[in-house]
């Protein structure tokens, strides 16, 4: 199973700051190994982020995204304890989903 997605969701005032790192090799399919053979593509194709089940981000990624991609965004309308879930599917059909609760940034 793939490594857990590292997610942080912090509420400061009325804005939630979501940051995540998705451990993945993100192989483009354009590099060659030591024997000059093409390394097959293996990267995250789709990334979905939800807030209490409502889709906030639905992104299609490609092989040009760096290894262990880091992403972030901010939004309004959440409260401490709300759930932020992140899931992805890669080119080999592998999947990963993880979830965190929004924390109070004033206490961190």
C-alpha atoms as a PDB file:
ATOM      1  CA  UNK A   1       0.000   0.000   0.000  1.00  0.00           C
ATOM      2  CA  UNK A   2       1.262   3.511  -0.768  1.00  0.00           C
ATOM      3  CA  UNK A   3       2.520   5.755   2.010  1.00  0.00           C
ATOM      4  CA  UNK A   4      -0.073   7.956   3.757  1.00  0.00           C
ATOM      5  CA  UNK A   5      -0.825  11.381   2.328  1.00  0.00           C
ATOM      6  CA  UNK A   6       0.434  14.025   4.743  1.00  0.00           C
ATOM      7  CA  UNK A   7      -2.371  16.555   5.239  1.00  0.00           C
ATOM      8  CA  UNK A   8      -2.654  19.654   7.411  1.00  0.00           C
ATOM      9  CA  UNK A   9      -5.833  21.740   7.593  1.00  0.00           C
ATOM     10  CA  UNK A  10      -5.640  24.753   9.890  1.00  0.00           C
ATOM     11  CA  UNK A  11      -8.370  27.299  10.595  1.00  0.00           C
ATOM     12  CA  UNK A  12      -7.157  30.851  11.254  1.00  0.00           C
ATOM     13  CA  UNK A  13      -9.974  33.368  11.525  1.00  0.00           C
ATOM     14  CA  UNK A  14     -12.465  32.246   8.892  1.00  0.00           C
ATOM     15  CA  UNK A  15      -9.910  30.802   6.438  1.00  0.00           C
ATOM     16  CA  UNK A  16      -8.793  27.171   6.303  1.00  0.00           C
ATOM     17  CA  UNK A  17      -5.268  26.616   5.005  1.00  0.00           C
ATOM     18  CA  UNK A  18      -4.931  23.103   3.530  1.00  0.00           C
ATOM     19  CA  UNK A  19      -1.465  21.742   2.764  1.00  0.00           C
ATOM     20  CA  UNK A  20      -0.657  18.243   1.598  1.00  0.00           C
ATOM     21  CA  UNK A  21       2.194  16.073   0.401  1.00  0.00           C
ATOM     22  CA  UNK A  22       1.370  12.928  -1.551  1.00  0.00           C
ATOM     23  CA  UNK A  23       4.297  10.478  -1.432  1.00  0.00           C
ATOM     24  CA  UNK A  24       4.567   9.067  -4.970  1.00  0.00           C
ATOM     25  CA  UNK A  25       7.374   8.428  -7.463  1.00  0.00           C
ATOM     26  CA  UNK A  26       5.589  10.417 -10.207  1.00  0.00           C
ATOM     27  CA  UNK A  27       7.522   8.781 -13.052  1.00  0.00           C
ATOM     28  CA  UNK A  28       6.826  10.574 -16.340  1.00  0.00           C
ATOM     29  CA  UNK A  29       7.501   7.693 -18.743  1.00  0.00           C
ATOM     30  CA  UNK A  30      10.116   9.737 -20.586  1.00  0.00           C
ATOM     31  CA  UNK A  31      13.248   8.911 -18.596  1.00  0.00           C
ATOM     32  CA  UNK A  32      15.592   6.020 -19.303  1.00  0.00           C
ATOM     33  CA  UNK A  33      17.300   3.627 -16.907  1.00  0.00           C
ATOM     34  CA  UNK A  34      21.023   2.728 -16.826  1.00  0.00           C
ATOM     35  CA  UNK A  35      20.459   0.258 -19.703  1.00  0.00           C
ATOM     36  CA  UNK A  36      18.800   2.967 -21.835  1.00  0.00           C
ATOM     37  CA  UNK A  37      15.340   1.396 -21.466  1.00  0.00           C
ATOM     38  CA  UNK A  38      12.374   3.716 -21.002  1.00  0.00           C
ATOM     39  CA  UNK A  39      11.069   3.700 -17.441  1.00  0.00           C
ATOM     40  CA  UNK A  40       7.290   3.219 -17.709  1.00  0.00           C
ATOM     41  CA  UNK A  41       4.983   6.055 -16.676  1.00  0.00           C
ATOM     42  CA  UNK A  42       3.699   5.749 -13.117  1.00  0.00           C
ATOM     43  CA  UNK A  43       2.151   8.920 -11.738  1.00  0.00           C
ATOM     44  CA  UNK A  44      -0.957  10.242 -10.016  1.00  0.00           C
ATOM     45  CA  UNK A  45      -3.689  10.767 -12.614  1.00  0.00           C
ATOM     46  CA  UNK A  46      -6.476  12.137 -10.454  1.00  0.00           C
ATOM     47  CA  UNK A  47      -6.480  13.932  -7.121  1.00  0.00           C
ATOM     48  CA  UNK A  48      -9.699  14.717  -5.253  1.00  0.00           C
ATOM     49  CA  UNK A  49      -9.977  16.834  -2.097  1.00  0.00           C
ATOM     50  CA  UNK A  50     -13.257  17.087  -0.191  1.00  0.00           C
ATOM     51  CA  UNK A  51     -14.571  19.111   2.730  1.00  0.00           C
ATOM     52  CA  UNK A  52     -17.213  17.159   4.684  1.00  0.00           C
ATOM     53  CA  UNK A  53     -17.870  15.111   1.528  1.00  0.00           C
ATOM     54  CA  UNK A  54     -18.191  18.111  -0.820  1.00  0.00           C
ATOM     55  CA  UNK A  55     -15.621  18.185  -3.619  1.00  0.00           C
ATOM     56  CA  UNK A  56     -13.327  21.215  -3.316  1.00  0.00           C
ATOM     57  CA  UNK A  57     -10.609  20.129  -5.768  1.00  0.00           C
ATOM     58  CA  UNK A  58     -10.831  17.599  -8.610  1.00  0.00           C
ATOM     59  CA  UNK A  59      -7.533  17.684 -10.495  1.00  0.00           C
ATOM     60  CA  UNK A  60      -6.032  15.685 -13.331  1.00  0.00           C
ATOM     61  CA  UNK A  61      -2.264  15.391 -12.927  1.00  0.00           C
ATOM     62  CA  UNK A  62       0.341  14.311 -15.436  1.00  0.00           C
ATOM     63  CA  UNK A  63       3.879  13.018 -15.560  1.00  0.00           C
ATOM     64  CA  UNK A  64       5.349  16.532 -15.429  1.00  0.00           C
ATOM     65  CA  UNK A  65       4.477  16.885 -11.720  1.00  0.00           C
ATOM     66  CA  UNK A  66       7.479  16.360  -9.423  1.00  0.00           C
ATOM     67  CA  UNK A  67       8.027  13.380  -7.147  1.00  0.00           C
ATOM     68  CA  UNK A  68       6.115  13.625  -3.838  1.00  0.00           C
ATOM     69  CA  UNK A  69       3.933  16.530  -4.994  1.00  0.00           C
ATOM     70  CA  UNK A  70       3.153  19.261  -2.476  1.00  0.00           C
ATOM     71  CA  UNK A  71      -0.056  21.248  -2.888  1.00  0.00           C
ATOM     72  CA  UNK A  72      -2.042  23.783  -0.956  1.00  0.00           C
ATOM     73  CA  UNK A  73      -5.122  25.952  -1.106  1.00  0.00           C
ATOM     74  CA  UNK A  74      -7.263  28.091   1.162  1.00  0.00           C
ATOM     75  CA  UNK A  75     -11.022  28.389   1.523  1.00  0.00           C
ATOM     76  CA  UNK A  76     -13.754  29.773   3.756  1.00  0.00           C
ATOM     77  CA  UNK A  77     -16.769  28.091   5.265  1.00  0.00           C
ATOM     78  CA  UNK A  78     -15.266  25.449   7.542  1.00  0.00           C
ATOM     79  CA  UNK A  79     -15.031  25.053  11.284  1.00  0.00           C
ATOM     80  CA  UNK A  80     -12.748  23.199  13.669  1.00  0.00           C
ATOM     81  CA  UNK A  81     -13.472  19.466  13.493  1.00  0.00           C
ATOM     82  CA  UNK A  82     -14.695  19.446   9.874  1.00  0.00           C
ATOM     83  CA  UNK A  83     -13.220  16.659   7.732  1.00  0.00           C
ATOM     84  CA  UNK A  84     -10.796  17.205   4.855  1.00  0.00           C
ATOM     85  CA  UNK A  85     -10.248  14.069   2.753  1.00  0.00           C
ATOM     86  CA  UNK A  86      -7.670  13.582   0.015  1.00  0.00           C
ATOM     87  CA  UNK A  87      -7.632  10.677  -2.426  1.00  0.00           C
ATOM     88  CA  UNK A  88      -5.728   9.839  -5.562  1.00  0.00           C
ATOM     89  CA  UNK A  89      -5.567   7.215  -8.308  1.00  0.00           C
ATOM     90  CA  UNK A  90      -2.424   6.607 -10.338  1.00  0.00           C
ATOM     91  CA  UNK A  91      -1.676   5.236 -13.802  1.00  0.00           C
ATOM     92  CA  UNK A  92      -1.280   1.685 -12.473  1.00  0.00           C
ATOM     93  CA  UNK A  93      -4.684   1.767 -10.740  1.00  0.00           C
ATOM     94  CA  UNK A  94      -3.173   2.133  -7.284  1.00  0.00           C
ATOM     95  CA  UNK A  95      -5.272   4.234  -4.882  1.00  0.00           C
ATOM     96  CA  UNK A  96      -4.809   6.074  -1.622  1.00  0.00           C
ATOM     97  CA  UNK A  97      -7.191   8.055   0.616  1.00  0.00           C
ATOM     98  CA  UNK A  98      -6.534   9.857   3.875  1.00  0.00           C
ATOM     99  CA  UNK A  99      -8.485  12.271   6.055  1.00  0.00           C
ATOM    100  CA  UNK A 100      -7.830  14.878   8.749  1.00  0.00           C
ATOM    101  CA  UNK A 101      -9.940  17.133  10.907  1.00  0.00           C
ATOM    102  CA  UNK A 102      -9.587  20.897  10.625  1.00  0.00           C
ATOM    103  CA  UNK A 103      -7.567  22.159  13.579  1.00  0.00           C
ATOM    104  CA  UNK A 104      -7.575  25.530  15.310  1.00  0.00           C
ATOM    105  CA  UNK A 105      -4.606  27.528  14.047  1.00  0.00           C
ATOM    106  CA  UNK A 106      -4.713  29.780  17.101  1.00  0.00           C
ATOM    107  CA  UNK A 107      -3.760  26.800  19.268  1.00  0.00           C
ATOM    108  CA  UNK A 108      -0.836  25.598  17.127  1.00  0.00           C
END
